[in-house]
């Protein structure tokens, strides 16, 4: 549980402040994520992800906080064409409320062994 001497903002009802103060770090992170989603009203991650320059989306799997995205590079030949897998996650910028999608490279998808 997080211990804090921080006073809640005036607009936060006492029952919510009490519940937040009694929450674990994990629960607080979940609340932050939920509140950010309410503020932005973002569509599901798979609906918002767009291909990057030079790539085409082949497949996406929604996993809640992140999506697995498989892309190909049609302008390339051989191994450089892909397909390649990425984990894509929305990362908020707490300073200005904006954010961006982070693409984490997972590796080349092995099509021959049923990896696609």
C-alpha atoms as a PDB file:
ATOM      1  CA  UNK A   1       0.000   0.000   0.000  1.00  0.00           C
ATOM      2  CA  UNK A   2       1.186   3.515  -0.760  1.00  0.00           C
ATOM      3  CA  UNK A   3       1.579   5.798   2.254  1.00  0.00           C
ATOM      4  CA  UNK A   4       1.231   9.507   1.598  1.00  0.00           C
ATOM      5  CA  UNK A   5       0.789  12.747   3.501  1.00  0.00           C
ATOM      6  CA  UNK A   6      -0.616  14.362   0.365  1.00  0.00           C
ATOM      7  CA  UNK A   7      -3.934  16.159   0.710  1.00  0.00           C
ATOM      8  CA  UNK A   8      -6.411  15.374  -2.080  1.00  0.00           C
ATOM      9  CA  UNK A   9      -7.463  18.161  -4.460  1.00  0.00           C
ATOM     10  CA  UNK A  10     -10.642  20.025  -3.483  1.00  0.00           C
ATOM     11  CA  UNK A  11     -12.690  18.451  -6.274  1.00  0.00           C
ATOM     12  CA  UNK A  12     -12.101  14.858  -5.139  1.00  0.00           C
ATOM     13  CA  UNK A  13     -14.950  13.497  -2.995  1.00  0.00           C
ATOM     14  CA  UNK A  14     -13.873  12.255   0.447  1.00  0.00           C
ATOM     15  CA  UNK A  15     -15.038   8.665  -0.196  1.00  0.00           C
ATOM     16  CA  UNK A  16     -12.921   8.476  -3.362  1.00  0.00           C
ATOM     17  CA  UNK A  17      -9.880   9.946  -1.607  1.00  0.00           C
ATOM     18  CA  UNK A  18     -10.286   7.415   1.212  1.00  0.00           C
ATOM     19  CA  UNK A  19     -10.563   4.517  -1.244  1.00  0.00           C
ATOM     20  CA  UNK A  20      -7.489   5.706  -3.152  1.00  0.00           C
ATOM     21  CA  UNK A  21      -5.445   6.088   0.040  1.00  0.00           C
ATOM     22  CA  UNK A  22      -6.302   2.487   0.984  1.00  0.00           C
ATOM     23  CA  UNK A  23      -5.294   1.159  -2.458  1.00  0.00           C
ATOM     24  CA  UNK A  24      -2.144  -0.776  -3.317  1.00  0.00           C
ATOM     25  CA  UNK A  25       0.356   0.584  -5.838  1.00  0.00           C
ATOM     26  CA  UNK A  26      -0.996  -1.859  -8.438  1.00  0.00           C
ATOM     27  CA  UNK A  27      -4.570  -0.736  -7.817  1.00  0.00           C
ATOM     28  CA  UNK A  28      -3.544   2.923  -8.080  1.00  0.00           C
ATOM     29  CA  UNK A  29      -1.877   2.242 -11.434  1.00  0.00           C
ATOM     30  CA  UNK A  30      -5.078   0.559 -12.624  1.00  0.00           C
ATOM     31  CA  UNK A  31      -7.118   3.577 -11.471  1.00  0.00           C
ATOM     32  CA  UNK A  32      -4.759   5.964 -13.285  1.00  0.00           C
ATOM     33  CA  UNK A  33      -5.026   3.927 -16.473  1.00  0.00           C
ATOM     34  CA  UNK A  34      -8.812   3.809 -16.187  1.00  0.00           C
ATOM     35  CA  UNK A  35      -9.075   7.560 -15.564  1.00  0.00           C
ATOM     36  CA  UNK A  36      -6.820   8.328 -18.531  1.00  0.00           C
ATOM     37  CA  UNK A  37      -8.991   6.169 -20.770  1.00  0.00           C
ATOM     38  CA  UNK A  38     -12.098   7.994 -19.552  1.00  0.00           C
ATOM     39  CA  UNK A  39     -10.478  11.372 -20.204  1.00  0.00           C
ATOM     40  CA  UNK A  40      -9.329  10.529 -23.694  1.00  0.00           C
ATOM     41  CA  UNK A  41     -12.104   8.104 -24.600  1.00  0.00           C
ATOM     42  CA  UNK A  42      -9.590   6.243 -26.753  1.00  0.00           C
ATOM     43  CA  UNK A  43     -10.825   3.550 -29.098  1.00  0.00           C
ATOM     44  CA  UNK A  44      -9.478   0.024 -28.548  1.00  0.00           C
ATOM     45  CA  UNK A  45      -5.767  -0.059 -29.281  1.00  0.00           C
ATOM     46  CA  UNK A  46      -6.208  -2.248 -32.359  1.00  0.00           C
ATOM     47  CA  UNK A  47      -8.622   0.323 -33.848  1.00  0.00           C
ATOM     48  CA  UNK A  48      -6.164   3.183 -33.328  1.00  0.00           C
ATOM     49  CA  UNK A  49      -2.924   1.608 -34.573  1.00  0.00           C
ATOM     50  CA  UNK A  50      -1.930   2.627 -38.068  1.00  0.00           C
ATOM     51  CA  UNK A  51       0.874   1.232 -40.177  1.00  0.00           C
ATOM     52  CA  UNK A  52       4.138   3.106 -40.196  1.00  0.00           C
ATOM     53  CA  UNK A  53       5.797   4.387 -43.353  1.00  0.00           C
ATOM     54  CA  UNK A  54       6.928   1.527 -45.595  1.00  0.00           C
ATOM     55  CA  UNK A  55       4.989  -1.115 -43.654  1.00  0.00           C
ATOM     56  CA  UNK A  56       1.635  -2.844 -44.042  1.00  0.00           C
ATOM     57  CA  UNK A  57      -0.333  -4.294 -41.146  1.00  0.00           C
ATOM     58  CA  UNK A  58      -0.766  -8.043 -41.536  1.00  0.00           C
ATOM     59  CA  UNK A  59      -2.411  -8.958 -38.221  1.00  0.00           C
ATOM     60  CA  UNK A  60      -3.185  -7.483 -34.789  1.00  0.00           C
ATOM     61  CA  UNK A  61      -4.099  -9.171 -31.519  1.00  0.00           C
ATOM     62  CA  UNK A  62      -5.558  -7.108 -28.674  1.00  0.00           C
ATOM     63  CA  UNK A  63      -4.155  -7.979 -25.237  1.00  0.00           C
ATOM     64  CA  UNK A  64      -5.736  -5.162 -23.238  1.00  0.00           C
ATOM     65  CA  UNK A  65      -2.867  -2.813 -22.345  1.00  0.00           C
ATOM     66  CA  UNK A  66      -0.941  -3.692 -25.490  1.00  0.00           C
ATOM     67  CA  UNK A  67      -1.393  -5.255 -28.909  1.00  0.00           C
ATOM     68  CA  UNK A  68       0.762  -7.671 -30.854  1.00  0.00           C
ATOM     69  CA  UNK A  69       1.161  -6.302 -34.377  1.00  0.00           C
ATOM     70  CA  UNK A  70       2.601  -8.175 -37.347  1.00  0.00           C
ATOM     71  CA  UNK A  71       3.822  -6.095 -40.294  1.00  0.00           C
ATOM     72  CA  UNK A  72       5.408  -6.648 -43.682  1.00  0.00           C
ATOM     73  CA  UNK A  73       7.553  -4.274 -45.712  1.00  0.00           C
ATOM     74  CA  UNK A  74       6.303  -4.678 -49.298  1.00  0.00           C
ATOM     75  CA  UNK A  75       9.065  -2.485 -50.735  1.00  0.00           C
ATOM     76  CA  UNK A  76      11.760  -4.844 -49.439  1.00  0.00           C
ATOM     77  CA  UNK A  77      13.004  -8.182 -50.740  1.00  0.00           C
ATOM     78  CA  UNK A  78      13.812 -11.469 -48.980  1.00  0.00           C
ATOM     79  CA  UNK A  79      14.377 -11.441 -45.201  1.00  0.00           C
ATOM     80  CA  UNK A  80      13.972  -7.650 -45.032  1.00  0.00           C
ATOM     81  CA  UNK A  81      10.344  -8.011 -46.190  1.00  0.00           C
ATOM     82  CA  UNK A  82       9.231  -9.701 -42.970  1.00  0.00           C
ATOM     83  CA  UNK A  83       6.830 -10.409 -41.466  1.00  0.00           C
ATOM     84  CA  UNK A  84       7.962  -8.843 -38.182  1.00  0.00           C
ATOM     85  CA  UNK A  85       6.178  -8.825 -34.816  1.00  0.00           C
ATOM     86  CA  UNK A  86       5.932  -5.848 -32.452  1.00  0.00           C
ATOM     87  CA  UNK A  87       4.309  -5.190 -29.084  1.00  0.00           C
ATOM     88  CA  UNK A  88       2.541  -1.826 -29.343  1.00  0.00           C
ATOM     89  CA  UNK A  89       1.461   0.083 -26.255  1.00  0.00           C
ATOM     90  CA  UNK A  90       0.024   3.548 -25.650  1.00  0.00           C
ATOM     91  CA  UNK A  91       2.365   5.536 -23.401  1.00  0.00           C
ATOM     92  CA  UNK A  92       0.834   8.710 -21.942  1.00  0.00           C
ATOM     93  CA  UNK A  93       2.854  11.877 -21.469  1.00  0.00           C
ATOM     94  CA  UNK A  94       1.902  13.103 -18.025  1.00  0.00           C
ATOM     95  CA  UNK A  95       3.148  16.645 -18.633  1.00  0.00           C
ATOM     96  CA  UNK A  96       0.727  17.664 -21.368  1.00  0.00           C
ATOM     97  CA  UNK A  97      -1.818  14.817 -21.386  1.00  0.00           C
ATOM     98  CA  UNK A  98      -0.795  13.657 -24.840  1.00  0.00           C
ATOM     99  CA  UNK A  99       1.088  10.474 -25.537  1.00  0.00           C
ATOM    100  CA  UNK A 100       2.255   8.161 -28.276  1.00  0.00           C
ATOM    101  CA  UNK A 101       2.303   4.568 -29.372  1.00  0.00           C
ATOM    102  CA  UNK A 102       5.537   2.730 -28.540  1.00  0.00           C
ATOM    103  CA  UNK A 103       6.557  -0.075 -30.878  1.00  0.00           C
ATOM    104  CA  UNK A 104       8.780  -2.733 -29.266  1.00  0.00           C
ATOM    105  CA  UNK A 105      10.376  -5.117 -31.757  1.00  0.00           C
ATOM    106  CA  UNK A 106       9.778  -8.788 -30.873  1.00  0.00           C
ATOM    107  CA  UNK A 107      11.361 -10.442 -33.902  1.00  0.00           C
ATOM    108  CA  UNK A 108      10.802 -11.967 -37.295  1.00  0.00           C
ATOM    109  CA  UNK A 109       7.733 -14.186 -37.577  1.00  0.00           C
ATOM    110  CA  UNK A 110       8.586 -17.704 -38.728  1.00  0.00           C
ATOM    111  CA  UNK A 111       5.898 -18.367 -41.338  1.00  0.00           C
ATOM    112  CA  UNK A 112       7.112 -21.887 -42.179  1.00  0.00           C
ATOM    113  CA  UNK A 113       6.629 -23.226 -38.647  1.00  0.00           C
ATOM    114  CA  UNK A 114       3.121 -21.817 -38.368  1.00  0.00           C
ATOM    115  CA  UNK A 115       4.212 -18.609 -36.625  1.00  0.00           C
ATOM    116  CA  UNK A 116       1.709 -16.665 -38.681  1.00  0.00           C
END
